[in-house]
N, C-alpha and C. Protein backbone atom coordinates (compact mmCIF):
# COMPACT_ATOMS: atom_id res chain seq x y z
N MET A 1 49.63 11.88 11.21
CA MET A 1 48.69 12.11 11.51
C MET A 1 47.98 13.30 11.66
N ARG A 2 46.79 13.16 11.16
CA ARG A 2 45.88 14.78 10.80
C ARG A 2 45.55 15.34 11.96
N SER A 3 45.36 16.47 12.02
CA SER A 3 45.21 17.02 13.56
C SER A 3 43.69 18.06 12.94
N ARG A 4 43.19 18.56 14.10
CA ARG A 4 42.53 19.56 13.85
C ARG A 4 42.49 20.99 14.90
N ALA A 5 42.74 22.01 14.39
CA ALA A 5 42.56 22.98 14.94
C ALA A 5 41.55 23.26 16.01
N MET A 6 41.53 23.40 17.66
CA MET A 6 40.44 23.98 18.23
C MET A 6 40.84 25.17 19.03
N ARG A 7 39.36 25.98 18.84
CA ARG A 7 40.05 27.79 19.54
C ARG A 7 40.15 27.68 20.70
N GLY A 8 41.82 27.91 21.13
CA GLY A 8 42.58 28.08 22.07
C GLY A 8 42.49 26.92 22.97
N LEU A 9 42.31 25.71 22.51
CA LEU A 9 42.89 23.95 23.56
C LEU A 9 43.80 23.46 22.75
N GLY A 10 44.49 24.03 21.28
CA GLY A 10 45.65 23.56 20.90
C GLY A 10 44.88 22.85 19.63
N VAL A 11 45.84 21.75 19.70
CA VAL A 11 45.99 20.93 18.53
C VAL A 11 45.07 19.02 19.14
N LEU A 12 44.11 18.84 18.64
CA LEU A 12 43.43 17.95 18.53
C LEU A 12 43.52 16.79 17.65
N PRO A 13 43.86 15.61 17.70
CA PRO A 13 44.13 14.90 16.91
C PRO A 13 42.91 13.62 16.73
N GLY A 14 42.71 13.97 15.49
CA GLY A 14 41.25 12.98 15.04
C GLY A 14 41.43 11.37 15.60
N VAL A 15 40.37 11.20 16.20
CA VAL A 15 40.42 9.75 17.07
C VAL A 15 39.98 8.02 15.71
N VAL A 16 39.19 8.81 14.90
CA VAL A 16 39.01 7.96 13.79
C VAL A 16 39.11 8.66 12.96
N MET A 17 39.11 7.66 11.83
CA MET A 17 39.21 8.01 10.34
C MET A 17 38.30 9.29 9.87
N ASP A 18 38.19 10.27 9.46
CA ASP A 18 37.06 10.69 9.11
C ASP A 18 36.84 10.73 7.69
N VAL A 19 35.54 11.00 7.02
CA VAL A 19 35.41 10.53 5.64
C VAL A 19 36.08 11.24 4.71
N ALA A 20 36.29 12.68 5.25
CA ALA A 20 37.54 13.49 4.03
C ALA A 20 38.66 13.09 3.33
N SER A 21 38.87 12.56 4.53
CA SER A 21 40.15 11.66 4.49
C SER A 21 40.67 10.66 4.18
N VAL A 22 39.56 9.78 4.26
CA VAL A 22 39.35 8.59 3.63
C VAL A 22 38.98 8.89 2.28
N GLU A 23 38.16 9.56 1.81
CA GLU A 23 37.96 9.58 0.13
C GLU A 23 39.07 10.34 -0.43
N ALA A 24 39.94 11.19 0.12
CA ALA A 24 40.75 11.92 -0.71
C ALA A 24 42.06 10.40 -0.71
N ARG A 25 42.05 10.02 0.42
CA ARG A 25 43.26 9.12 -0.18
C ARG A 25 42.69 7.86 -1.06
N LEU A 26 41.19 7.45 -0.91
CA LEU A 26 41.11 6.64 -2.00
C LEU A 26 40.59 7.53 -3.21
N GLY A 27 40.21 8.58 -3.40
CA GLY A 27 39.79 9.20 -4.92
C GLY A 27 38.48 9.39 -4.61
N LYS A 28 37.89 9.24 -4.23
CA LYS A 28 36.23 8.72 -4.23
C LYS A 28 36.03 10.21 -3.44
N GLY A 29 34.74 10.67 -3.91
CA GLY A 29 33.69 11.36 -3.50
C GLY A 29 32.42 11.10 -3.10
N ILE A 30 31.86 11.30 -2.43
CA ILE A 30 30.76 11.61 -1.36
C ILE A 30 29.51 11.23 -3.14
N GLY A 31 29.13 10.29 -3.29
CA GLY A 31 28.19 9.94 -4.58
C GLY A 31 27.30 9.01 -4.70
N MET A 32 26.09 9.19 -5.51
CA MET A 32 25.12 7.95 -5.79
C MET A 32 25.85 6.64 -6.28
N ALA A 33 25.79 5.70 -5.81
CA ALA A 33 26.35 4.13 -6.12
C ALA A 33 25.83 4.02 -7.82
N GLU A 34 26.63 3.43 -8.09
CA GLU A 34 26.43 2.96 -10.25
C GLU A 34 25.26 2.05 -9.63
N GLU A 35 24.53 1.86 -10.99
CA GLU A 35 23.57 1.07 -11.26
C GLU A 35 24.01 -0.16 -11.17
N GLU A 36 23.13 -1.14 -10.65
CA GLU A 36 23.79 -2.74 -10.84
C GLU A 36 23.23 -3.07 -12.35
N PRO A 37 24.63 -3.66 -12.71
CA PRO A 37 24.06 -4.16 -14.26
C PRO A 37 23.21 -5.40 -13.84
N LEU A 38 23.26 -6.24 -13.34
CA LEU A 38 22.27 -7.43 -13.01
C LEU A 38 21.23 -7.09 -12.72
N LEU A 39 20.54 -6.04 -11.84
CA LEU A 39 18.95 -5.57 -12.03
C LEU A 39 18.97 -4.66 -13.44
N VAL A 40 20.06 -4.13 -13.98
CA VAL A 40 19.23 -2.96 -15.20
C VAL A 40 19.04 -4.14 -16.16
N ASP A 41 19.66 -5.31 -16.78
CA ASP A 41 19.84 -6.29 -17.23
C ASP A 41 20.18 -7.31 -17.17
N PRO A 42 19.02 -8.23 -16.39
CA PRO A 42 19.23 -9.25 -16.73
C PRO A 42 19.66 -10.47 -17.65
N PRO A 43 20.63 -11.34 -17.14
CA PRO A 43 21.27 -11.93 -18.13
C PRO A 43 20.11 -13.12 -18.83
N THR A 44 19.24 -13.60 -18.16
CA THR A 44 18.31 -15.08 -18.00
C THR A 44 16.71 -14.70 -17.58
N GLN A 45 16.14 -15.79 -17.75
CA GLN A 45 14.68 -15.11 -17.20
C GLN A 45 14.61 -15.34 -16.23
N ASP A 46 15.01 -16.68 -15.27
CA ASP A 46 15.50 -16.79 -14.04
C ASP A 46 15.75 -15.52 -12.99
N VAL A 47 16.81 -14.70 -13.67
CA VAL A 47 17.46 -13.45 -12.52
C VAL A 47 16.12 -12.51 -13.15
N ALA A 48 15.56 -12.35 -14.23
CA ALA A 48 15.30 -11.66 -14.55
C ALA A 48 13.56 -11.64 -13.24
N ILE A 49 13.53 -12.86 -13.23
CA ILE A 49 11.84 -13.12 -12.16
C ILE A 49 12.51 -13.01 -11.04
N HIS A 50 13.64 -13.19 -10.73
CA HIS A 50 14.19 -12.87 -9.13
C HIS A 50 14.25 -11.51 -8.86
N VAL A 51 14.91 -10.66 -9.85
CA VAL A 51 14.70 -9.17 -9.71
C VAL A 51 13.09 -8.34 -9.71
N ARG A 52 12.70 -8.90 -10.41
CA ARG A 52 11.24 -8.56 -10.38
C ARG A 52 10.48 -9.43 -8.76
N ASP A 53 10.59 -10.13 -8.28
CA ASP A 53 10.22 -10.62 -6.93
C ASP A 53 10.71 -9.96 -5.76
N TYR A 54 12.45 -9.47 -6.31
CA TYR A 54 13.01 -8.72 -4.99
C TYR A 54 12.36 -7.36 -4.92
N SER A 55 12.00 -6.95 -5.90
CA SER A 55 11.67 -5.78 -5.90
C SER A 55 10.34 -5.55 -5.41
N ARG A 56 9.38 -6.67 -5.44
CA ARG A 56 8.20 -6.71 -4.76
C ARG A 56 8.30 -6.64 -3.27
N PHE A 57 9.51 -7.61 -2.83
CA PHE A 57 9.56 -8.10 -1.44
C PHE A 57 10.27 -6.52 -1.00
N THR A 58 10.81 -5.88 -1.54
CA THR A 58 11.36 -4.56 -1.30
C THR A 58 10.08 -3.46 -0.71
N ALA A 59 9.28 -3.29 -1.82
CA ALA A 59 7.75 -2.79 -1.43
C ALA A 59 7.57 -3.11 -0.67
N MET A 60 6.81 -4.27 -0.30
CA MET A 60 6.13 -4.87 0.54
C MET A 60 7.18 -4.28 2.26
N LEU A 61 8.42 -4.81 1.76
CA LEU A 61 8.93 -4.62 3.43
C LEU A 61 8.87 -2.99 4.22
N LYS A 62 9.16 -2.39 2.60
CA LYS A 62 8.42 -1.02 3.26
C LYS A 62 7.57 -0.44 3.33
N TRP A 63 6.41 -0.98 2.71
CA TRP A 63 5.05 -0.53 3.51
C TRP A 63 4.94 -0.84 5.13
N GLY A 64 5.24 -2.13 4.95
CA GLY A 64 5.28 -2.83 5.98
C GLY A 64 5.29 -1.82 7.20
N ALA A 65 6.94 -1.34 7.46
CA ALA A 65 7.38 -0.95 8.28
C ALA A 65 7.01 0.48 8.86
N ILE A 66 6.55 0.92 7.16
CA ILE A 66 5.38 2.79 7.65
C ILE A 66 4.04 1.81 8.27
N VAL A 67 3.07 0.91 8.04
CA VAL A 67 2.13 0.67 9.16
C VAL A 67 2.72 0.63 10.35
N CYS A 68 3.50 -0.40 10.51
CA CYS A 68 4.25 -0.67 11.95
C CYS A 68 4.49 0.59 12.08
N LEU A 69 4.66 1.53 11.69
CA LEU A 69 5.04 2.95 12.85
C LEU A 69 3.78 3.70 12.80
N ILE A 70 2.80 3.46 12.37
CA ILE A 70 1.78 4.69 12.40
C ILE A 70 0.94 3.89 13.19
N LEU A 71 0.90 1.94 13.45
CA LEU A 71 0.30 1.12 14.59
C LEU A 71 1.39 1.93 15.67
N GLY A 72 2.17 1.77 15.93
CA GLY A 72 3.14 2.07 17.00
C GLY A 72 2.76 3.48 17.90
N PHE A 73 3.02 4.25 16.33
CA PHE A 73 2.44 5.75 16.85
C PHE A 73 0.87 5.90 17.44
N LEU A 74 -0.02 5.52 17.39
CA LEU A 74 -1.41 5.15 17.69
C LEU A 74 -1.25 4.09 18.98
N VAL A 75 -0.06 3.24 19.11
CA VAL A 75 -0.71 2.43 20.53
C VAL A 75 0.03 3.32 21.75
N LEU A 76 1.17 4.32 21.21
CA LEU A 76 2.27 5.19 21.90
C LEU A 76 0.98 6.41 22.53
N LEU A 77 0.10 6.83 21.54
CA LEU A 77 -0.68 7.54 21.70
C LEU A 77 -1.90 7.18 22.86
N ILE A 78 -2.47 6.01 22.56
CA ILE A 78 -3.52 5.51 23.32
C ILE A 78 -2.70 4.95 24.99
N ILE A 79 -1.86 4.83 25.29
CA ILE A 79 -1.14 4.17 26.07
C ILE A 79 -0.91 5.89 26.74
N SER A 80 -0.64 6.56 26.41
CA SER A 80 0.11 7.94 26.81
C SER A 80 -1.52 8.81 27.48
N SER A 81 -2.72 8.19 26.81
CA SER A 81 -3.97 9.11 27.48
C SER A 81 -4.60 8.60 28.60
C-alpha cells in the first residue's frame, strides 16, 4: 500500500486510490479523449442524420442550461431584495 508522508505526523496511508497511482499502473496519462470514429465519419446516412440531430440537441441543452442559470440568478436577485 502506498502511503503519504505528513509533516511531523508520520505516515498516512491513502484511503482511496489516487489518480497518479492508478494511471501509473495502467500506463495512461491525463489527456483528451480520442475522437469517436462514428461521429467523425458516420458509416451510413441514417447515422449521419442521428449525429447531426444529436449535435443540435446538445447545443440546445447547453443554451437551455445557460438561460435557466441566468433566470435563476434573476429570481434570486428579486427574492433577496
